[in-house]
C-alpha atoms as a PDB file:
ATOM      1  CA  MET A   1     -11.398 -16.058-118.466  1.00  0.00           C
ATOM      2  CA  GLU A   2     -14.184 -15.698-121.005  1.00  0.00           C
ATOM      3  CA  LYS A   3     -15.551 -12.210-121.669  1.00  0.00           C
ATOM      4  CA  ILE A   4     -19.239 -12.338-122.476  1.00  0.00           C
ATOM      5  CA  LEU A   5     -21.790  -9.774-123.663  1.00  0.00           C
ATOM      6  CA  ILE A   6     -25.461 -10.501-122.972  1.00  0.00           C
ATOM      7  CA  SER A   7     -28.231  -8.217-124.188  1.00  0.00           C
ATOM      8  CA  GLY A   8     -31.365  -7.959-122.087  1.00  0.00           C
ATOM      9  CA  GLY A   9     -29.803  -9.256-118.879  1.00  0.00           C
ATOM     10  CA  SER A  10     -32.205  -7.667-116.408  1.00  0.00           C
ATOM     11  CA  SER A  11     -34.956 -10.291-116.377  1.00  0.00           C
ATOM     12  CA  GLY A  12     -35.968 -13.800-117.395  1.00  0.00           C
ATOM     13  CA  ILE A  13     -33.443 -15.873-119.298  1.00  0.00           C
ATOM     14  CA  GLY A  14     -30.997 -12.979-119.604  1.00  0.00           C
ATOM     15  CA  LEU A  15     -30.919 -12.462-115.845  1.00  0.00           C
ATOM     16  CA  ALA A  16     -30.341 -16.169-115.245  1.00  0.00           C
ATOM     17  CA  LEU A  17     -27.552 -16.231-117.856  1.00  0.00           C
ATOM     18  CA  VAL A  18     -25.718 -13.289-116.312  1.00  0.00           C
ATOM     19  CA  ASN A  19     -25.800 -14.866-112.862  1.00  0.00           C
ATOM     20  CA  LYS A  20     -24.685 -18.231-114.234  1.00  0.00           C
ATOM     21  CA  PHE A  21     -21.707 -16.916-116.185  1.00  0.00           C
ATOM     22  CA  VAL A  22     -20.486 -14.646-113.388  1.00  0.00           C
ATOM     23  CA  ALA A  23     -20.760 -17.539-110.926  1.00  0.00           C
ATOM     24  CA  MET A  24     -18.574 -19.552-113.321  1.00  0.00           C
ATOM     25  CA  GLY A  25     -15.892 -16.859-113.176  1.00  0.00           C
ATOM     26  CA  CYS A  26     -16.607 -15.242-116.553  1.00  0.00           C
ATOM     27  CA  GLU A  27     -16.513 -11.478-117.026  1.00  0.00           C
ATOM     28  CA  VAL A  28     -19.927 -10.279-118.172  1.00  0.00           C
ATOM     29  CA  PHE A  29     -21.283  -7.054-119.634  1.00  0.00           C
ATOM     30  CA  THR A  30     -25.035  -6.721-119.927  1.00  0.00           C
ATOM     31  CA  PHE A  31     -27.440  -3.948-120.771  1.00  0.00           C
ATOM     32  CA  ALA A  32     -31.160  -3.282-120.529  1.00  0.00           C
ATOM     33  CA  ARG A  33     -33.548  -0.332-120.396  1.00  0.00           C
ATOM     34  CA  SER A  34     -34.256  -0.432-116.659  1.00  0.00           C
ATOM     35  CA  ARG A  35     -31.604   0.522-114.093  1.00  0.00           C
ATOM     36  CA  GLU A  36     -33.906  -0.708-111.339  1.00  0.00           C
ATOM     37  CA  LYS A  37     -34.016  -4.180-112.874  1.00  0.00           C
ATOM     38  CA  LEU A  38     -30.281  -4.207-113.627  1.00  0.00           C
ATOM     39  CA  ASN A  39     -29.564  -3.416-109.987  1.00  0.00           C
ATOM     40  CA  ARG A  40     -31.138  -6.757-109.044  1.00  0.00           C
ATOM     41  CA  LEU A  41     -28.088  -8.434-110.537  1.00  0.00           C
ATOM     42  CA  TYR A  42     -25.914  -6.988-107.796  1.00  0.00           C
ATOM     43  CA  THR A  43     -28.025  -8.637-105.113  1.00  0.00           C
ATOM     44  CA  ALA A  44     -27.655 -12.113-106.596  1.00  0.00           C
ATOM     45  CA  PRO A  45     -25.386 -14.604-104.799  1.00  0.00           C
ATOM     46  CA  VAL A  46     -22.633 -14.500-107.416  1.00  0.00           C
ATOM     47  CA  GLN A  47     -18.984 -15.151-106.688  1.00  0.00           C
ATOM     48  CA  SER A  48     -17.584 -11.754-107.627  1.00  0.00           C
ATOM     49  CA  LYS A  49     -19.352  -8.504-108.441  1.00  0.00           C
ATOM     50  CA  ASP A  50     -16.056  -7.315-109.981  1.00  0.00           C
ATOM     51  CA  LEU A  51     -16.833  -9.557-112.958  1.00  0.00           C
ATOM     52  CA  LEU A  52     -20.154  -7.841-113.665  1.00  0.00           C
ATOM     53  CA  HIS A  53     -20.641  -4.691-115.749  1.00  0.00           C
ATOM     54  CA  THR A  54     -24.071  -3.210-116.470  1.00  0.00           C
ATOM     55  CA  SER A  55     -25.351  -0.332-118.571  1.00  0.00           C
ATOM     56  CA  VAL A  56     -28.731   1.282-119.159  1.00  0.00           C
ATOM     57  CA  PHE A  57     -29.308   1.116-122.906  1.00  0.00           C
ATOM     58  CA  ASP A  58     -32.427   1.254-125.074  1.00  0.00           C
ATOM     59  CA  LEU A  59     -32.096  -0.753-128.277  1.00  0.00           C
ATOM     60  CA  GLN A  60     -34.535   1.521-130.096  1.00  0.00           C
ATOM     61  CA  THR A  61     -32.976   4.872-129.218  1.00  0.00           C
ATOM     62  CA  GLY A  62     -29.453   4.193-127.947  1.00  0.00           C
ATOM     63  CA  ASP A  63     -26.175   5.107-129.640  1.00  0.00           C
ATOM     64  CA  PHE A  64     -24.453   1.810-130.478  1.00  0.00           C
ATOM     65  CA  SER A  65     -21.076   3.447-131.029  1.00  0.00           C
ATOM     66  CA  LEU A  66     -21.137   4.838-127.481  1.00  0.00           C
ATOM     67  CA  LEU A  67     -22.176   1.452-126.131  1.00  0.00           C
ATOM     68  CA  SER A  68     -19.242  -0.144-127.948  1.00  0.00           C
ATOM     69  CA  GLU A  69     -16.856   2.407-126.445  1.00  0.00           C
ATOM     70  CA  GLU A  70     -18.223   1.678-122.972  1.00  0.00           C
ATOM     71  CA  ILE A  71     -17.751  -2.063-123.420  1.00  0.00           C
ATOM     72  CA  LYS A  72     -14.211  -1.538-124.723  1.00  0.00           C
ATOM     73  CA  ALA A  73     -13.357   0.632-121.724  1.00  0.00           C
ATOM     74  CA  VAL A  74     -14.397  -1.953-119.138  1.00  0.00           C
ATOM     75  CA  MET A  75     -13.753  -5.297-120.888  1.00  0.00           C
ATOM     76  CA  GLY A  76     -11.473  -4.616-123.842  1.00  0.00           C
ATOM     77  CA  ASN A  77     -12.503  -7.544-126.019  1.00  0.00           C
ATOM     78  CA  ILE A  78     -15.367 -10.011-126.334  1.00  0.00           C
ATOM     79  CA  ASP A  79     -15.260 -13.810-126.620  1.00  0.00           C
ATOM     80  CA  ARG A  80     -18.973 -14.596-126.581  1.00  0.00           C
ATOM     81  CA  ILE A  81     -22.142 -12.665-127.409  1.00  0.00           C
ATOM     82  CA  ILE A  82     -25.692 -13.711-126.547  1.00  0.00           C
ATOM     83  CA  ILE A  83     -28.407 -11.675-128.288  1.00  0.00           C
ATOM     84  CA  ASN A  84     -31.195 -12.245-125.810  1.00  0.00           C
ATOM     85  CA  ALA A  85     -33.159  -8.968-125.709  1.00  0.00           C
ATOM     86  CA  GLY A  86     -36.446  -9.082-127.542  1.00  0.00           C
ATOM     87  CA  MET A  87     -39.884  -7.553-127.956  1.00  0.00           C
ATOM     88  CA  LEU A  88     -43.277  -9.223-128.196  1.00  0.00           C
ATOM     89  CA  VAL A  89     -46.640  -7.709-129.122  1.00  0.00           C
ATOM     90  CA  ASN A  90     -49.652  -9.958-128.583  1.00  0.00           C
ATOM     91  CA  LYS A  91     -52.313  -8.622-130.952  1.00  0.00           C
ATOM     92  CA  PRO A  92     -54.339 -10.108-133.827  1.00  0.00           C
ATOM     93  CA  PHE A  93     -52.819  -9.590-137.273  1.00  0.00           C
ATOM     94  CA  LEU A  94     -55.625  -7.320-138.529  1.00  0.00           C
ATOM     95  CA  LYS A  95     -55.301  -5.019-135.504  1.00  0.00           C
ATOM     96  CA  LEU A  96     -51.529  -4.561-135.514  1.00  0.00           C
ATOM     97  CA  THR A  97     -50.377  -1.017-136.178  1.00  0.00           C
ATOM     98  CA  LYS A  98     -47.496  -0.121-138.455  1.00  0.00           C
ATOM     99  CA  ALA A  99     -45.587   1.236-135.450  1.00  0.00           C
ATOM    100  CA  GLU A 100     -45.995  -2.028-133.522  1.00  0.00           C
ATOM    101  CA  VAL A 101     -44.694  -4.101-136.431  1.00  0.00           C
ATOM    102  CA  GLU A 102     -41.785  -1.723-137.046  1.00  0.00           C
ATOM    103  CA  ASP A 103     -40.829  -1.638-133.350  1.00  0.00           C
ATOM    104  CA  THR A 104     -40.895  -5.429-133.142  1.00  0.00           C
ATOM    105  CA  PHE A 105     -38.620  -5.835-136.152  1.00  0.00           C
ATOM    106  CA  ARG A 106     -36.375  -3.001-134.979  1.00  0.00           C
ATOM    107  CA  VAL A 107     -35.720  -4.622-131.590  1.00  0.00           C
ATOM    108  CA  ASN A 108     -35.641  -8.260-132.708  1.00  0.00           C
ATOM    109  CA  VAL A 109     -33.775  -7.918-136.000  1.00  0.00           C
ATOM    110  CA  ILE A 110     -32.509  -4.510-137.075  1.00  0.00           C
ATOM    111  CA  THR A 111     -30.635  -3.741-133.854  1.00  0.00           C
ATOM    112  CA  VAL A 112     -28.641  -6.950-134.293  1.00  0.00           C
ATOM    113  CA  PHE A 113     -27.054  -5.392-137.377  1.00  0.00           C
ATOM    114  CA  SER A 114     -26.135  -2.225-135.472  1.00  0.00           C
ATOM    115  CA  LEU A 115     -24.893  -4.039-132.382  1.00  0.00           C
ATOM    116  CA  ILE A 116     -22.602  -6.513-134.129  1.00  0.00           C
ATOM    117  CA  GLN A 117     -21.323  -3.974-136.661  1.00  0.00           C
ATOM    118  CA  ASN A 118     -20.287  -1.603-133.880  1.00  0.00           C
ATOM    119  CA  LEU A 119     -18.862  -4.352-131.680  1.00  0.00           C
ATOM    120  CA  PHE A 120     -16.945  -6.052-134.481  1.00  0.00           C
ATOM    121  CA  PRO A 121     -13.553  -4.465-133.641  1.00  0.00           C
ATOM    122  CA  LEU A 122     -13.855  -5.927-130.124  1.00  0.00           C
ATOM    123  CA  ILE A 123     -14.864  -9.460-131.152  1.00  0.00           C
ATOM    124  CA  LEU A 124     -11.922 -11.838-130.961  1.00  0.00           C
ATOM    125  CA  PRO A 125     -11.170 -14.567-133.522  1.00  0.00           C
ATOM    126  CA  GLY A 126     -12.700 -17.806-132.292  1.00  0.00           C
ATOM    127  CA  ALA A 127     -15.692 -15.960-130.845  1.00  0.00           C
ATOM    128  CA  HIS A 128     -19.227 -17.333-130.785  1.00  0.00           C
ATOM    129  CA  ILE A 129     -22.379 -15.267-131.308  1.00  0.00           C
ATOM    130  CA  VAL A 130     -25.608 -16.909-130.132  1.00  0.00           C
ATOM    131  CA  ASN A 131     -28.936 -15.418-131.215  1.00  0.00           C
ATOM    132  CA  ILE A 132     -31.869 -16.362-129.030  1.00  0.00           C
ATOM    133  CA  THR A 133     -34.810 -16.891-131.323  1.00  0.00           C
ATOM    134  CA  SER A 134     -38.062 -18.792-130.834  1.00  0.00           C
ATOM    135  CA  MET A 135     -39.896 -21.866-132.007  1.00  0.00           C
ATOM    136  CA  SER A 136     -42.630 -19.459-133.074  1.00  0.00           C
ATOM    137  CA  GLY A 137     -40.216 -18.269-135.770  1.00  0.00           C
ATOM    138  CA  PHE A 138     -39.051 -21.762-136.723  1.00  0.00           C
ATOM    139  CA  GLN A 139     -40.254 -22.793-140.164  1.00  0.00           C
ATOM    140  CA  GLY A 140     -42.926 -25.481-140.022  1.00  0.00           C
ATOM    141  CA  SER A 141     -43.616 -25.056-136.308  1.00  0.00           C
ATOM    142  CA  VAL A 142     -47.061 -24.413-134.843  1.00  0.00           C
ATOM    143  CA  LYS A 143     -48.071 -20.745-135.042  1.00  0.00           C
ATOM    144  CA  PHE A 144     -50.401 -18.874-132.705  1.00  0.00           C
ATOM    145  CA  THR A 145     -52.964 -16.094-133.083  1.00  0.00           C
ATOM    146  CA  GLY A 146     -51.664 -12.703-132.010  1.00  0.00           C
ATOM    147  CA  LEU A 147     -47.982 -13.448-132.551  1.00  0.00           C
ATOM    148  CA  SER A 148     -47.564 -12.758-136.261  1.00  0.00           C
ATOM    149  CA  ALA A 149     -45.173  -9.806-135.838  1.00  0.00           C
ATOM    150  CA  TYR A 150     -43.113 -11.581-133.195  1.00  0.00           C
ATOM    151  CA  SER A 151     -42.972 -14.854-135.130  1.00  0.00           C
ATOM    152  CA  ALA A 152     -42.038 -13.132-138.393  1.00  0.00           C
ATOM    153  CA  SER A 153     -39.268 -11.143-136.692  1.00  0.00           C
ATOM    154  CA  LYS A 154     -37.822 -14.260-135.079  1.00  0.00           C
ATOM    155  CA  GLY A 155     -37.948 -16.013-138.436  1.00  0.00           C
ATOM    156  CA  ALA A 156     -35.981 -13.099-139.888  1.00  0.00           C
ATOM    157  CA  LEU A 157     -33.445 -13.410-137.068  1.00  0.00           C
ATOM    158  CA  ALA A 158     -32.954 -17.056-138.014  1.00  0.00           C
ATOM    159  CA  ILE A 159     -32.114 -16.138-141.613  1.00  0.00           C
ATOM    160  CA  LEU A 160     -29.878 -13.325-140.384  1.00  0.00           C
ATOM    161  CA  THR A 161     -28.024 -15.878-138.265  1.00  0.00           C
ATOM    162  CA  GLU A 162     -27.268 -17.977-141.324  1.00  0.00           C
ATOM    163  CA  SER A 163     -26.120 -14.911-143.262  1.00  0.00           C
ATOM    164  CA  MET A 164     -23.913 -13.626-140.436  1.00  0.00           C
ATOM    165  CA  ALA A 165     -22.264 -17.019-140.083  1.00  0.00           C
ATOM    166  CA  LEU A 166     -21.301 -16.931-143.763  1.00  0.00           C
ATOM    167  CA  GLU A 167     -19.984 -13.370-143.748  1.00  0.00           C
ATOM    168  CA  LEU A 168     -18.079 -13.602-140.460  1.00  0.00           C
ATOM    169  CA  ALA A 169     -16.498 -16.983-141.203  1.00  0.00           C
ATOM    170  CA  GLU A 170     -13.387 -15.370-142.684  1.00  0.00           C
ATOM    171  CA  TYR A 171     -12.765 -13.734-139.298  1.00  0.00           C
ATOM    172  CA  ASN A 172     -13.148 -17.064-137.463  1.00  0.00           C
ATOM    173  CA  ILE A 173     -16.343 -15.903-135.768  1.00  0.00           C
ATOM    174  CA  LYS A 174     -19.114 -18.484-135.471  1.00  0.00           C
ATOM    175  CA  VAL A 175     -22.820 -17.593-135.344  1.00  0.00           C
ATOM    176  CA  ASN A 176     -25.686 -19.862-134.320  1.00  0.00           C
ATOM    177  CA  ALA A 177     -29.238 -19.469-133.022  1.00  0.00           C
ATOM    178  CA  LEU A 178     -31.248 -21.328-130.422  1.00  0.00           C
ATOM    179  CA  ALA A 179     -34.981 -21.511-131.154  1.00  0.00           C
ATOM    180  CA  LEU A 180     -36.467 -21.828-127.693  1.00  0.00           C
ATOM    181  CA  GLY A 181     -39.795 -23.379-126.866  1.00  0.00           C
ATOM    182  CA  ALA A 182     -41.843 -22.487-123.807  1.00  0.00           C
ATOM    183  CA  VAL A 183     -39.862 -21.097-120.856  1.00  0.00           C
ATOM    184  CA  GLN A 184     -41.621 -19.444-117.911  1.00  0.00           C
ATOM    185  CA  THR A 185     -40.740 -15.787-118.499  1.00  0.00           C
ATOM    186  CA  GLU A 186     -42.562 -12.452-118.508  1.00  0.00           C
ATOM    187  CA  MET A 187     -42.615 -12.585-122.296  1.00  0.00           C
ATOM    188  CA  LEU A 188     -44.274 -16.009-122.305  1.00  0.00           C
ATOM    189  CA  THR A 189     -46.908 -14.722-119.893  1.00  0.00           C
ATOM    190  CA  THR A 190     -47.608 -11.845-122.297  1.00  0.00           C
ATOM    191  CA  ALA A 191     -48.201 -14.328-125.100  1.00  0.00           C
ATOM    192  CA  PHE A 192     -49.941 -17.072-123.098  1.00  0.00           C
ATOM    193  CA  PRO A 193     -51.240 -15.685-119.773  1.00  0.00           C
ATOM    194  CA  ASP A 194     -52.688 -18.962-118.501  1.00  0.00           C
ATOM    195  CA  PHE A 195     -49.970 -21.328-119.706  1.00  0.00           C
ATOM    196  CA  LYS A 196     -47.464 -22.985-117.367  1.00  0.00           C
ATOM    197  CA  ALA A 197     -44.185 -23.707-119.143  1.00  0.00           C
ATOM    198  CA  PRO A 198     -42.247 -26.927-118.487  1.00  0.00           C
ATOM    199  CA  LEU A 199     -38.951 -25.058-118.014  1.00  0.00           C
ATOM    200  CA  THR A 200     -37.802 -22.144-115.857  1.00  0.00           C
ATOM    201  CA  PRO A 201     -35.150 -19.625-116.968  1.00  0.00           C
ATOM    202  CA  ASN A 202     -32.626 -21.246-114.636  1.00  0.00           C
ATOM    203  CA  GLU A 203     -33.240 -24.660-116.170  1.00  0.00           C
ATOM    204  CA  ILE A 204     -32.814 -23.544-119.795  1.00  0.00           C
ATOM    205  CA  THR A 205     -29.778 -21.479-118.796  1.00  0.00           C
ATOM    206  CA  ASP A 206     -27.718 -24.611-118.166  1.00  0.00           C
ATOM    207  CA  PHE A 207     -28.102 -25.582-121.817  1.00  0.00           C
ATOM    208  CA  ILE A 208     -27.566 -22.086-123.231  1.00  0.00           C
ATOM    209  CA  THR A 209     -24.430 -21.602-121.142  1.00  0.00           C
ATOM    210  CA  GLU A 210     -22.811 -24.810-122.331  1.00  0.00           C
ATOM    211  CA  PHE A 211     -23.815 -24.141-125.941  1.00  0.00           C
ATOM    212  CA  THR A 212     -22.426 -20.603-125.850  1.00  0.00           C
ATOM    213  CA  LEU A 213     -19.078 -21.814-124.559  1.00  0.00           C
ATOM    214  CA  ASN A 214     -18.693 -24.903-126.739  1.00  0.00           C
ATOM    215  CA  GLY A 215     -21.410 -25.140-129.405  1.00  0.00           C
ATOM    216  CA  HIS A 216     -19.324 -23.373-132.042  1.00  0.00           C
ATOM    217  CA  ARG A 217     -16.988 -26.377-132.053  1.00  0.00           C
ATOM    218  CA  TYR A 218     -19.735 -28.377-133.734  1.00  0.00           C
ATOM    219  CA  PHE A 219     -22.122 -25.880-135.362  1.00  0.00           C
ATOM    220  CA  ASN A 220     -22.020 -22.729-137.465  1.00  0.00           C
ATOM    221  CA  GLY A 221     -24.926 -20.961-139.132  1.00  0.00           C
ATOM    222  CA  LYS A 222     -27.417 -23.383-137.563  1.00  0.00           C
ATOM    223  CA  ILE A 223     -30.839 -22.777-136.040  1.00  0.00           C
ATOM    224  CA  LEU A 224     -31.267 -25.375-133.317  1.00  0.00           C
ATOM    225  CA  PRO A 225     -34.708 -26.055-131.789  1.00  0.00           C
ATOM    226  CA  VAL A 226     -34.585 -26.364-127.990  1.00  0.00           C
ATOM    227  CA  SER A 227     -38.113 -27.168-126.977  1.00  0.00           C
ATOM    228  CA  LEU A 228     -40.204 -29.419-124.759  1.00  0.00           C
ATOM    229  CA  SER A 229     -43.414 -27.668-125.797  1.00  0.00           C
ATOM    230  CA  THR A 230     -44.608 -24.904-128.150  1.00  0.00           C
ATOM    231  CA  PRO A 231     -46.023 -23.441-126.023  1.00  0.00           C
END
């Protein structure tokens, strides 16, 4: 049975991923800021609630060592990690505040360092870490007004993915990133209020699930675009 950690599992793609993996019989630990939203996971028609573990955790203020201890206590080890939690600020470049830029990079990039460093003792050889990035941070892709902080942070996450793959290779841990195009989530609505995406979270989840379980057999340190439209 695979043991999977998913950040940001209370809504959108993260929520769909948690439900999918638990329904497949995988043991899943997920965290998010809102207990109310996390509780929605327990009302989903999954096969076994015993496979689901949730925790209220804020990436900006939380203690990653305590989170690691909590995960160890309930799951022991980890086979797969999906870094799905993210932050988006939709504001023109000239109006962005220093705090908004720093918060965006802290959530989308810096916390990945803290999370994986603290979880490392629990990550089994043969594990696969999947960073969910965005086509907006994919070099050469179309960029959009108001998303400079978000796009830059996702571009940084792509480079971090390549670096992590190199440094964790000696431990037989693979790291890849999926650069997603438009998926109908709350975050997409924040960026493009009037746009209707061609994919729902449930539809993209089928691909992410399969890639998380098996993609490391074919890829390491790769940033793979998964997009029907941008947006």
